[in-house]
């Protein structure tokens, strides 16, 4: 066992040394060296933003049910009225509240589950029912939030809707181009 541990430790040390040798050291840019805004910025996100915190991202844009998000930058181009901004805020607040409630519920459920397991009282039937109940609550909350985003959509005028449609079409075309490029490259080697 000790021999296996030393072999594993040696292998990990060799990997770490290899990574260290082949990883370039890059100095942090100074204020004068800032790169220009990437082409992704016009689509409303950066490369590093794509898989970021979804809740934070949802607080900065608008959900188009069935199509996804448009960024805050894109939303700003719509020149929303005060009434429209209030509807967006209402939908964002409802979404934030639902996520917060869900997170709290999951934490409480995990704590109760751990307590039951420590007490030797595992109950898979109760857990399955609790999971089904949570799913039903999530479906209901999602439907309510979707209704709020649809109210925002309904409040947009024809010009704003056309602009959103154009943004969504551009994004869909970009995704299709990227998919085609990946398909042409073939499987990763």
N, C-alpha and C. Protein backbone atom coordinates (compact mmCIF):
# COMPACT_ATOMS: atom_id res chain seq x y z
N UNK A 1 0.82 -1.19 0.00
CA UNK A 1 0.00 0.00 0.00
C UNK A 1 0.86 1.25 0.00
N UNK A 2 1.94 1.22 0.82
CA UNK A 2 2.84 2.37 0.87
C UNK A 2 3.53 2.56 -0.47
N UNK A 3 3.87 1.43 -1.14
CA UNK A 3 4.51 1.51 -2.44
C UNK A 3 3.56 2.16 -3.46
N UNK A 4 2.27 1.78 -3.43
CA UNK A 4 1.30 2.37 -4.35
C UNK A 4 1.15 3.86 -4.09
N UNK A 5 1.14 4.26 -2.83
CA UNK A 5 1.02 5.68 -2.48
C UNK A 5 2.20 6.46 -3.00
N UNK A 6 3.40 5.88 -2.89
CA UNK A 6 4.58 6.61 -3.38
C UNK A 6 4.58 6.68 -4.90
N UNK A 7 4.08 5.65 -5.56
CA UNK A 7 3.99 5.68 -7.03
C UNK A 7 3.01 6.76 -7.47
N UNK A 8 1.86 6.81 -6.81
CA UNK A 8 0.86 7.83 -7.13
C UNK A 8 1.42 9.22 -6.87
N UNK A 9 2.08 9.40 -5.73
CA UNK A 9 2.67 10.71 -5.40
C UNK A 9 3.71 11.10 -6.43
N UNK A 10 4.53 10.15 -6.86
CA UNK A 10 5.55 10.45 -7.87
C UNK A 10 4.90 10.83 -9.20
N UNK A 11 3.86 10.12 -9.56
CA UNK A 11 3.17 10.42 -10.82
C UNK A 11 2.54 11.81 -10.77
N UNK A 12 1.91 12.14 -9.65
CA UNK A 12 1.32 13.47 -9.51
C UNK A 12 2.37 14.56 -9.55
N UNK A 13 3.53 14.33 -8.93
CA UNK A 13 4.61 15.30 -8.95
C UNK A 13 5.12 15.50 -10.37
N UNK A 14 5.23 14.41 -11.13
CA UNK A 14 5.69 14.51 -12.51
C UNK A 14 4.70 15.30 -13.37
N UNK A 15 3.42 15.05 -13.16
CA UNK A 15 2.40 15.79 -13.91
C UNK A 15 2.45 17.27 -13.56
N UNK A 16 2.56 17.58 -12.27
CA UNK A 16 2.62 18.99 -11.84
C UNK A 16 3.84 19.68 -12.44
N UNK A 17 4.98 18.99 -12.45
CA UNK A 17 6.19 19.58 -13.02
C UNK A 17 6.02 19.81 -14.52
N UNK A 18 5.40 18.87 -15.20
CA UNK A 18 5.18 19.01 -16.64
C UNK A 18 4.26 20.19 -16.95
N UNK A 19 3.20 20.31 -16.17
CA UNK A 19 2.27 21.42 -16.37
C UNK A 19 2.97 22.74 -16.11
N UNK A 20 3.77 22.79 -15.04
CA UNK A 20 4.49 24.02 -14.71
C UNK A 20 5.46 24.42 -15.82
N UNK A 21 6.12 23.43 -16.43
CA UNK A 21 7.08 23.73 -17.50
C UNK A 21 6.40 24.23 -18.77
N UNK A 22 5.21 23.75 -19.02
CA UNK A 22 4.53 24.06 -20.28
C UNK A 22 3.46 25.14 -20.16
N UNK A 23 3.31 25.73 -18.99
CA UNK A 23 2.32 26.78 -18.79
C UNK A 23 3.01 28.13 -18.88
N UNK A 24 2.64 28.96 -19.87
CA UNK A 24 3.30 30.26 -20.00
C UNK A 24 2.90 31.19 -18.87
N UNK A 25 3.82 32.01 -18.47
CA UNK A 25 3.55 33.01 -17.46
C UNK A 25 3.19 34.29 -18.18
N UNK A 26 2.04 34.85 -17.86
CA UNK A 26 1.54 36.04 -18.53
C UNK A 26 1.36 37.13 -17.50
N UNK A 27 1.95 38.27 -17.77
CA UNK A 27 1.80 39.39 -16.84
C UNK A 27 0.41 39.98 -16.99
N UNK A 28 -0.12 40.49 -15.90
CA UNK A 28 -1.43 41.14 -15.93
C UNK A 28 -1.32 42.42 -16.74
N UNK A 29 -2.30 42.72 -17.58
CA UNK A 29 -2.23 43.93 -18.40
C UNK A 29 -2.37 45.18 -17.54
N UNK A 30 -1.69 46.19 -17.97
CA UNK A 30 -1.84 47.48 -17.30
C UNK A 30 -3.04 48.19 -17.89
N UNK A 31 -3.43 49.31 -17.31
CA UNK A 31 -4.61 50.04 -17.78
C UNK A 31 -4.47 50.43 -19.25
N UNK A 32 -3.26 50.73 -19.68
CA UNK A 32 -3.05 51.13 -21.07
C UNK A 32 -3.05 49.98 -22.05
N UNK A 33 -2.92 48.74 -21.53
CA UNK A 33 -2.83 47.57 -22.39
C UNK A 33 -4.15 46.84 -22.56
N UNK A 34 -5.24 47.41 -22.12
CA UNK A 34 -6.51 46.73 -22.19
C UNK A 34 -6.86 46.41 -23.64
N UNK A 35 -7.33 45.19 -23.84
CA UNK A 35 -7.69 44.74 -25.18
C UNK A 35 -8.99 45.42 -25.62
N UNK A 36 -9.16 45.60 -26.92
CA UNK A 36 -10.42 46.16 -27.39
C UNK A 36 -11.55 45.18 -27.15
N UNK A 37 -12.76 45.67 -27.19
CA UNK A 37 -13.93 44.83 -26.96
C UNK A 37 -14.01 43.79 -28.07
N UNK A 38 -14.20 42.55 -27.68
CA UNK A 38 -14.26 41.45 -28.64
C UNK A 38 -15.56 41.50 -29.44
N UNK A 39 -15.56 40.75 -30.53
CA UNK A 39 -16.74 40.69 -31.38
C UNK A 39 -17.92 40.10 -30.61
N UNK A 40 -17.63 39.24 -29.60
CA UNK A 40 -18.69 38.66 -28.80
C UNK A 40 -19.48 39.71 -28.04
N UNK A 41 -18.88 40.87 -27.79
CA UNK A 41 -19.56 41.90 -27.01
C UNK A 41 -20.82 42.39 -27.70
N UNK A 42 -20.80 42.41 -29.03
CA UNK A 42 -22.00 42.89 -29.73
C UNK A 42 -23.16 41.90 -29.58
N UNK A 43 -22.83 40.64 -29.27
CA UNK A 43 -23.89 39.66 -29.01
C UNK A 43 -24.32 39.75 -27.57
N UNK A 44 -23.59 40.52 -26.77
CA UNK A 44 -24.03 40.75 -25.40
C UNK A 44 -23.38 39.88 -24.36
N UNK A 45 -22.35 39.12 -24.73
CA UNK A 45 -21.66 38.34 -23.73
C UNK A 45 -20.21 38.14 -24.15
N UNK A 46 -19.40 37.77 -23.20
CA UNK A 46 -18.02 37.47 -23.51
C UNK A 46 -17.83 35.97 -23.46
N UNK A 47 -16.70 35.52 -23.95
CA UNK A 47 -16.40 34.10 -23.94
C UNK A 47 -16.45 33.55 -22.51
N UNK A 48 -15.95 34.31 -21.56
CA UNK A 48 -15.88 33.85 -20.18
C UNK A 48 -17.22 33.96 -19.47
N UNK A 49 -18.17 34.65 -20.05
CA UNK A 49 -19.46 34.90 -19.42
C UNK A 49 -20.45 33.76 -19.69
N UNK A 50 -20.17 32.92 -20.68
CA UNK A 50 -21.15 31.94 -21.12
C UNK A 50 -21.58 30.96 -20.05
N UNK A 51 -20.63 30.52 -19.25
CA UNK A 51 -20.97 29.51 -18.24
C UNK A 51 -20.86 30.08 -16.85
N UNK A 52 -21.10 31.36 -16.73
CA UNK A 52 -21.00 32.02 -15.43
C UNK A 52 -22.21 31.74 -14.58
N UNK A 53 -22.34 32.46 -13.54
CA UNK A 53 -23.43 32.31 -12.61
C UNK A 53 -24.75 32.63 -13.32
N UNK A 54 -25.59 31.64 -13.46
CA UNK A 54 -26.83 31.83 -14.22
C UNK A 54 -27.79 32.78 -13.54
N UNK A 55 -27.86 32.71 -12.21
CA UNK A 55 -28.77 33.62 -11.52
C UNK A 55 -28.31 35.05 -11.71
N UNK A 56 -27.00 35.28 -11.57
CA UNK A 56 -26.49 36.63 -11.78
C UNK A 56 -26.76 37.09 -13.21
N UNK A 57 -26.57 36.18 -14.16
CA UNK A 57 -26.80 36.51 -15.56
C UNK A 57 -28.27 36.86 -15.80
N UNK A 58 -29.16 36.10 -15.18
CA UNK A 58 -30.59 36.36 -15.37
C UNK A 58 -31.01 37.69 -14.77
N UNK A 59 -30.26 38.17 -13.81
CA UNK A 59 -30.58 39.45 -13.21
C UNK A 59 -30.13 40.60 -14.08
N UNK A 60 -29.47 40.30 -15.17
CA UNK A 60 -28.90 41.36 -16.00
C UNK A 60 -29.44 41.36 -17.42
N UNK A 61 -30.52 40.76 -17.66
CA UNK A 61 -31.04 40.73 -19.02
C UNK A 61 -32.53 40.48 -19.01
N UNK A 62 -32.98 39.85 -20.08
CA UNK A 62 -34.40 39.56 -20.22
C UNK A 62 -34.55 38.16 -20.79
N UNK A 63 -35.43 37.38 -20.19
CA UNK A 63 -35.72 36.05 -20.68
C UNK A 63 -36.81 36.14 -21.73
N UNK A 64 -36.57 35.51 -22.86
CA UNK A 64 -37.60 35.39 -23.89
C UNK A 64 -38.04 33.92 -23.84
N UNK A 65 -39.20 33.64 -23.22
CA UNK A 65 -39.60 32.23 -23.05
C UNK A 65 -39.55 31.46 -24.37
N UNK A 66 -38.90 30.32 -24.30
CA UNK A 66 -38.76 29.47 -25.48
C UNK A 66 -37.53 29.78 -26.31
N UNK A 67 -36.86 30.91 -26.05
CA UNK A 67 -35.70 31.31 -26.85
C UNK A 67 -34.45 31.56 -26.02
N UNK A 68 -34.60 31.86 -24.75
CA UNK A 68 -33.45 32.12 -23.90
C UNK A 68 -33.34 33.58 -23.52
N UNK A 69 -32.12 33.97 -23.18
CA UNK A 69 -31.85 35.30 -22.66
C UNK A 69 -31.39 36.26 -23.75
N UNK A 70 -31.66 37.53 -23.51
CA UNK A 70 -30.91 38.58 -24.18
C UNK A 70 -30.21 39.33 -23.06
N UNK A 71 -29.04 39.83 -23.33
CA UNK A 71 -28.24 40.46 -22.30
C UNK A 71 -28.79 41.83 -21.92
N UNK A 72 -28.26 42.36 -20.82
CA UNK A 72 -28.64 43.70 -20.40
C UNK A 72 -28.22 44.70 -21.48
N UNK A 73 -27.06 44.49 -22.07
CA UNK A 73 -26.60 45.39 -23.14
C UNK A 73 -27.59 45.39 -24.30
N UNK A 74 -28.07 44.24 -24.68
CA UNK A 74 -29.05 44.16 -25.75
C UNK A 74 -30.39 44.75 -25.31
N UNK A 75 -30.77 44.50 -24.07
CA UNK A 75 -32.01 45.04 -23.54
C UNK A 75 -31.98 46.56 -23.55
N UNK A 76 -30.82 47.13 -23.24
CA UNK A 76 -30.68 48.59 -23.22
C UNK A 76 -30.93 49.20 -24.60
N UNK A 77 -30.68 48.45 -25.66
CA UNK A 77 -30.89 48.99 -27.01
C UNK A 77 -32.37 49.12 -27.35
N UNK A 78 -33.24 48.52 -26.54
CA UNK A 78 -34.68 48.57 -26.81
C UNK A 78 -35.34 49.85 -26.34
N UNK A 79 -34.64 50.65 -25.55
CA UNK A 79 -35.18 51.90 -25.02
C UNK A 79 -36.54 51.66 -24.37
N UNK A 80 -36.55 50.83 -23.34
CA UNK A 80 -37.79 50.48 -22.65
C UNK A 80 -38.41 51.69 -21.96
N UNK A 81 -39.72 51.69 -21.91
CA UNK A 81 -40.44 52.71 -21.15
C UNK A 81 -40.34 52.36 -19.66
N UNK A 82 -40.74 53.28 -18.81
CA UNK A 82 -40.72 53.02 -17.37
C UNK A 82 -41.63 51.85 -17.01
N UNK A 83 -42.77 51.76 -17.66
CA UNK A 83 -43.70 50.65 -17.39
C UNK A 83 -43.08 49.31 -17.80
N UNK A 84 -42.39 49.30 -18.94
CA UNK A 84 -41.73 48.07 -19.39
C UNK A 84 -40.59 47.69 -18.44
N UNK A 85 -39.83 48.69 -17.99
CA UNK A 85 -38.74 48.43 -17.03
C UNK A 85 -39.29 47.85 -15.73
N UNK A 86 -40.45 48.34 -15.31
CA UNK A 86 -41.06 47.82 -14.08
C UNK A 86 -41.45 46.35 -14.25
N UNK A 87 -41.95 45.99 -15.44
CA UNK A 87 -42.29 44.59 -15.70
C UNK A 87 -41.05 43.70 -15.70
N UNK A 88 -39.96 44.20 -16.29
CA UNK A 88 -38.69 43.44 -16.29
C UNK A 88 -38.23 43.24 -14.85
N UNK A 89 -38.27 44.29 -14.06
CA UNK A 89 -37.85 44.20 -12.65
C UNK A 89 -38.71 43.19 -11.90
N UNK A 90 -40.01 43.22 -12.14
CA UNK A 90 -40.93 42.30 -11.48
C UNK A 90 -40.58 40.85 -11.83
N UNK A 91 -40.30 40.58 -13.10
CA UNK A 91 -39.94 39.23 -13.53
C UNK A 91 -38.60 38.81 -12.93
N UNK A 92 -37.64 39.70 -12.93
CA UNK A 92 -36.33 39.39 -12.33
C UNK A 92 -36.47 39.10 -10.85
N UNK A 93 -37.23 39.93 -10.14
CA UNK A 93 -37.43 39.74 -8.70
C UNK A 93 -38.11 38.42 -8.41
N UNK A 94 -39.11 38.06 -9.21
CA UNK A 94 -39.81 36.79 -9.02
C UNK A 94 -38.87 35.62 -9.25
N UNK A 95 -38.03 35.73 -10.27
CA UNK A 95 -37.09 34.67 -10.57
C UNK A 95 -36.06 34.54 -9.44
N UNK A 96 -35.57 35.65 -8.98
CA UNK A 96 -34.59 35.64 -7.89
C UNK A 96 -35.21 35.03 -6.63
N UNK A 97 -36.43 35.40 -6.31
CA UNK A 97 -37.11 34.88 -5.13
C UNK A 97 -37.33 33.36 -5.26
N UNK A 98 -37.71 32.91 -6.44
CA UNK A 98 -37.94 31.48 -6.64
C UNK A 98 -36.64 30.70 -6.48
N UNK A 99 -35.55 31.22 -7.05
CA UNK A 99 -34.26 30.53 -6.91
C UNK A 99 -33.82 30.50 -5.46
N UNK A 100 -34.01 31.61 -4.75
CA UNK A 100 -33.63 31.68 -3.35
C UNK A 100 -34.43 30.67 -2.52
N UNK A 101 -35.74 30.62 -2.75
CA UNK A 101 -36.60 29.69 -2.03
C UNK A 101 -36.21 28.24 -2.34
N UNK A 102 -35.90 27.97 -3.61
CA UNK A 102 -35.51 26.62 -4.00
C UNK A 102 -34.20 26.23 -3.32
N UNK A 103 -33.25 27.14 -3.31
CA UNK A 103 -31.95 26.87 -2.68
C UNK A 103 -32.15 26.58 -1.19
N UNK A 104 -32.95 27.39 -0.51
CA UNK A 104 -33.22 27.20 0.91
C UNK A 104 -33.91 25.85 1.15
N UNK A 105 -34.87 25.51 0.30
CA UNK A 105 -35.58 24.23 0.41
C UNK A 105 -34.63 23.05 0.24
N UNK A 106 -33.76 23.14 -0.73
CA UNK A 106 -32.81 22.05 -0.98
C UNK A 106 -31.87 21.89 0.22
N UNK A 107 -31.37 23.01 0.75
CA UNK A 107 -30.48 22.94 1.91
C UNK A 107 -31.19 22.30 3.10
N UNK A 108 -32.44 22.68 3.34
CA UNK A 108 -33.20 22.11 4.46
C UNK A 108 -33.45 20.62 4.23
N UNK A 109 -33.76 20.26 3.00
CA UNK A 109 -34.01 18.86 2.67
C UNK A 109 -32.75 18.04 2.87
N UNK A 110 -31.61 18.54 2.44
CA UNK A 110 -30.34 17.80 2.61
C UNK A 110 -30.00 17.64 4.08
N UNK A 111 -30.22 18.69 4.86
CA UNK A 111 -29.95 18.63 6.30
C UNK A 111 -30.85 17.58 6.97
N UNK A 112 -32.14 17.60 6.65
CA UNK A 112 -33.08 16.64 7.22
C UNK A 112 -32.72 15.22 6.79
N UNK A 113 -32.31 15.07 5.55
CA UNK A 113 -31.94 13.75 5.05
C UNK A 113 -30.71 13.23 5.79
N UNK A 114 -29.72 14.09 6.00
CA UNK A 114 -28.52 13.69 6.72
C UNK A 114 -28.85 13.31 8.16
N UNK A 115 -29.70 14.11 8.81
CA UNK A 115 -30.11 13.80 10.19
C UNK A 115 -30.80 12.44 10.26
N UNK A 116 -31.67 12.17 9.30
CA UNK A 116 -32.38 10.87 9.27
C UNK A 116 -31.39 9.73 9.05
N UNK A 117 -30.42 9.93 8.18
CA UNK A 117 -29.44 8.88 7.93
C UNK A 117 -28.58 8.63 9.16
N UNK A 118 -28.19 9.69 9.84
CA UNK A 118 -27.39 9.53 11.06
C UNK A 118 -28.17 8.80 12.14
N UNK A 119 -29.49 9.00 12.16
CA UNK A 119 -30.34 8.34 13.14
C UNK A 119 -30.70 6.93 12.71
N UNK A 120 -30.21 6.51 11.53
CA UNK A 120 -30.50 5.16 11.03
C UNK A 120 -31.92 5.00 10.53
N UNK A 121 -32.53 6.08 10.07
CA UNK A 121 -33.93 6.03 9.64
C UNK A 121 -34.08 6.45 8.18
N UNK A 122 -33.38 5.78 7.30
CA UNK A 122 -33.51 6.06 5.87
C UNK A 122 -34.92 5.67 5.42
N UNK A 123 -35.55 6.54 4.64
CA UNK A 123 -36.91 6.29 4.17
C UNK A 123 -37.01 6.69 2.70
N UNK A 124 -36.66 5.77 1.79
CA UNK A 124 -36.67 6.11 0.36
C UNK A 124 -38.04 6.53 -0.16
N UNK A 125 -39.11 5.98 0.38
CA UNK A 125 -40.45 6.36 -0.08
C UNK A 125 -40.73 7.83 0.26
N UNK A 126 -40.38 8.23 1.47
CA UNK A 126 -40.58 9.63 1.87
C UNK A 126 -39.71 10.56 1.02
N UNK A 127 -38.48 10.12 0.73
CA UNK A 127 -37.59 10.94 -0.10
C UNK A 127 -38.13 11.06 -1.52
N UNK A 128 -38.67 9.98 -2.06
CA UNK A 128 -39.23 10.02 -3.42
C UNK A 128 -40.44 10.95 -3.46
N UNK A 129 -41.28 10.90 -2.43
CA UNK A 129 -42.45 11.78 -2.37
C UNK A 129 -42.01 13.24 -2.22
N UNK A 130 -41.05 13.48 -1.36
CA UNK A 130 -40.55 14.85 -1.17
C UNK A 130 -39.97 15.40 -2.48
N UNK A 131 -39.25 14.55 -3.21
CA UNK A 131 -38.68 14.98 -4.49
C UNK A 131 -39.79 15.31 -5.49
N UNK A 132 -40.82 14.49 -5.54
CA UNK A 132 -41.95 14.75 -6.45
C UNK A 132 -42.66 16.05 -6.06
N UNK A 133 -42.81 16.29 -4.76
CA UNK A 133 -43.44 17.53 -4.30
C UNK A 133 -42.61 18.74 -4.69
N UNK A 134 -41.29 18.66 -4.52
CA UNK A 134 -40.40 19.78 -4.90
C UNK A 134 -40.47 20.04 -6.40
N UNK A 135 -40.50 18.96 -7.18
CA UNK A 135 -40.60 19.12 -8.63
C UNK A 135 -41.90 19.82 -9.02
N UNK A 136 -42.99 19.45 -8.37
CA UNK A 136 -44.28 20.09 -8.66
C UNK A 136 -44.23 21.58 -8.30
N UNK A 137 -43.60 21.90 -7.16
CA UNK A 137 -43.45 23.30 -6.77
C UNK A 137 -42.60 24.07 -7.78
N UNK A 138 -41.53 23.43 -8.26
CA UNK A 138 -40.65 24.09 -9.22
C UNK A 138 -41.38 24.34 -10.55
N UNK A 139 -42.18 23.39 -10.97
CA UNK A 139 -42.94 23.55 -12.21
C UNK A 139 -43.93 24.70 -12.07
N UNK A 140 -44.58 24.78 -10.93
CA UNK A 140 -45.53 25.87 -10.69
C UNK A 140 -44.81 27.22 -10.65
N UNK A 141 -43.66 27.28 -9.97
CA UNK A 141 -42.89 28.53 -9.90
C UNK A 141 -42.40 28.93 -11.29
N UNK A 142 -41.92 27.97 -12.06
CA UNK A 142 -41.44 28.27 -13.41
C UNK A 142 -42.56 28.81 -14.28
N UNK A 143 -43.75 28.23 -14.17
CA UNK A 143 -44.89 28.72 -14.96
C UNK A 143 -45.23 30.16 -14.59
N UNK A 144 -45.19 30.46 -13.30
CA UNK A 144 -45.48 31.83 -12.84
C UNK A 144 -44.44 32.82 -13.39
N UNK A 145 -43.18 32.43 -13.34
CA UNK A 145 -42.10 33.30 -13.84
C UNK A 145 -42.22 33.47 -15.36
N UNK A 146 -42.53 32.39 -16.05
CA UNK A 146 -42.72 32.47 -17.50
C UNK A 146 -43.84 33.45 -17.83
N UNK A 147 -44.92 33.41 -17.06
CA UNK A 147 -46.02 34.35 -17.28
C UNK A 147 -45.54 35.80 -17.14
N UNK A 148 -44.67 36.04 -16.17
CA UNK A 148 -44.15 37.41 -15.97
C UNK A 148 -43.29 37.84 -17.16
N UNK A 149 -42.44 36.93 -17.67
CA UNK A 149 -41.63 37.28 -18.85
C UNK A 149 -42.50 37.46 -20.09
N UNK A 150 -43.57 36.67 -20.19
CA UNK A 150 -44.49 36.86 -21.32
C UNK A 150 -45.20 38.21 -21.22
N UNK A 151 -45.47 38.68 -20.00
CA UNK A 151 -46.07 40.01 -19.82
C UNK A 151 -45.11 41.09 -20.33
N UNK A 152 -43.80 40.88 -20.10
CA UNK A 152 -42.81 41.83 -20.63
C UNK A 152 -42.87 41.81 -22.15
N UNK A 153 -42.89 40.62 -22.74
CA UNK A 153 -42.95 40.49 -24.20
C UNK A 153 -44.21 41.18 -24.75
N UNK A 154 -45.33 40.96 -24.10
CA UNK A 154 -46.58 41.56 -24.54
C UNK A 154 -46.54 43.08 -24.47
N UNK A 155 -45.75 43.61 -23.53
CA UNK A 155 -45.65 45.07 -23.37
C UNK A 155 -44.73 45.72 -24.40
N UNK A 156 -43.92 44.93 -25.10
CA UNK A 156 -43.03 45.50 -26.11
C UNK A 156 -43.84 45.96 -27.32
N UNK A 157 -43.41 47.04 -27.94
CA UNK A 157 -44.07 47.47 -29.17
C UNK A 157 -43.49 46.68 -30.34
N UNK A 158 -44.07 46.85 -31.54
CA UNK A 158 -43.65 46.07 -32.71
C UNK A 158 -42.17 46.27 -33.05
N UNK A 159 -41.68 47.50 -32.92
CA UNK A 159 -40.28 47.78 -33.24
C UNK A 159 -39.36 47.05 -32.26
N UNK A 160 -39.70 47.07 -30.97
CA UNK A 160 -38.90 46.39 -29.97
C UNK A 160 -38.92 44.87 -30.19
N UNK A 161 -40.09 44.34 -30.51
CA UNK A 161 -40.19 42.90 -30.77
C UNK A 161 -39.36 42.51 -31.98
N UNK A 162 -39.39 43.34 -33.02
CA UNK A 162 -38.60 43.05 -34.21
C UNK A 162 -37.11 43.06 -33.88
N UNK A 163 -36.69 44.00 -33.06
CA UNK A 163 -35.29 44.10 -32.68
C UNK A 163 -34.87 42.84 -31.89
N UNK A 164 -35.72 42.42 -30.95
CA UNK A 164 -35.43 41.20 -30.18
C UNK A 164 -35.36 40.00 -31.12
N UNK A 165 -36.29 39.92 -32.05
CA UNK A 165 -36.29 38.81 -33.02
C UNK A 165 -35.01 38.79 -33.83
N UNK A 166 -34.55 39.96 -34.24
CA UNK A 166 -33.30 40.06 -35.00
C UNK A 166 -32.12 39.60 -34.15
N UNK A 167 -32.07 40.02 -32.89
CA UNK A 167 -30.99 39.59 -31.99
C UNK A 167 -30.99 38.07 -31.82
N UNK A 168 -32.16 37.51 -31.63
CA UNK A 168 -32.27 36.06 -31.46
C UNK A 168 -31.89 35.32 -32.74
N UNK A 169 -32.28 35.87 -33.89
CA UNK A 169 -31.92 35.25 -35.17
C UNK A 169 -30.40 35.28 -35.38
N UNK A 170 -29.77 36.40 -35.04
CA UNK A 170 -28.32 36.50 -35.17
C UNK A 170 -27.63 35.48 -34.28
N UNK A 171 -28.13 35.32 -33.06
CA UNK A 171 -27.54 34.35 -32.14
C UNK A 171 -27.73 32.93 -32.68
N UNK A 172 -28.90 32.63 -33.20
CA UNK A 172 -29.16 31.29 -33.75
C UNK A 172 -28.25 31.01 -34.94
N UNK A 173 -28.05 32.01 -35.80
CA UNK A 173 -27.15 31.84 -36.94
C UNK A 173 -25.72 31.61 -36.48
N UNK A 174 -25.29 32.36 -35.47
CA UNK A 174 -23.94 32.20 -34.93
C UNK A 174 -23.76 30.79 -34.37
N UNK A 175 -24.75 30.31 -33.62
CA UNK A 175 -24.67 28.95 -33.07
C UNK A 175 -24.59 27.92 -34.18
N UNK A 176 -25.36 28.13 -35.24
CA UNK A 176 -25.35 27.19 -36.37
C UNK A 176 -23.99 27.20 -37.06
N UNK A 177 -23.41 28.39 -37.23
CA UNK A 177 -22.07 28.48 -37.83
C UNK A 177 -21.04 27.74 -36.99
N UNK A 178 -21.10 27.94 -35.68
CA UNK A 178 -20.16 27.27 -34.78
C UNK A 178 -20.34 25.76 -34.84
N UNK A 179 -21.59 25.31 -34.92
CA UNK A 179 -21.85 23.87 -35.01
C UNK A 179 -21.28 23.32 -36.30
N UNK A 180 -21.46 24.05 -37.40
CA UNK A 180 -20.92 23.61 -38.68
C UNK A 180 -19.39 23.53 -38.64
N UNK A 181 -18.76 24.53 -38.01
CA UNK A 181 -17.30 24.53 -37.88
C UNK A 181 -16.83 23.32 -37.08
N UNK A 182 -17.53 23.02 -35.99
CA UNK A 182 -17.15 21.86 -35.18
C UNK A 182 -17.32 20.57 -35.96
N UNK A 183 -18.40 20.49 -36.74
CA UNK A 183 -18.63 19.29 -37.53
C UNK A 183 -17.55 19.11 -38.60
N UNK A 184 -17.09 20.20 -39.19
CA UNK A 184 -16.06 20.12 -40.21
C UNK A 184 -14.73 19.69 -39.63
N UNK A 185 -14.44 20.11 -38.39
CA UNK A 185 -13.19 19.72 -37.74
C UNK A 185 -13.18 18.25 -37.40
N UNK A 186 -14.35 17.68 -37.22
CA UNK A 186 -14.43 16.28 -36.86
C UNK A 186 -14.21 16.06 -35.38
N UNK A 187 -14.11 14.80 -35.00
CA UNK A 187 -13.94 14.51 -33.58
C UNK A 187 -12.58 15.01 -33.07
N UNK A 188 -12.58 15.39 -31.81
CA UNK A 188 -11.33 15.89 -31.19
C UNK A 188 -10.33 14.75 -31.11
N UNK A 189 -9.07 15.10 -31.37
CA UNK A 189 -8.06 14.05 -31.33
C UNK A 189 -7.36 13.98 -30.02
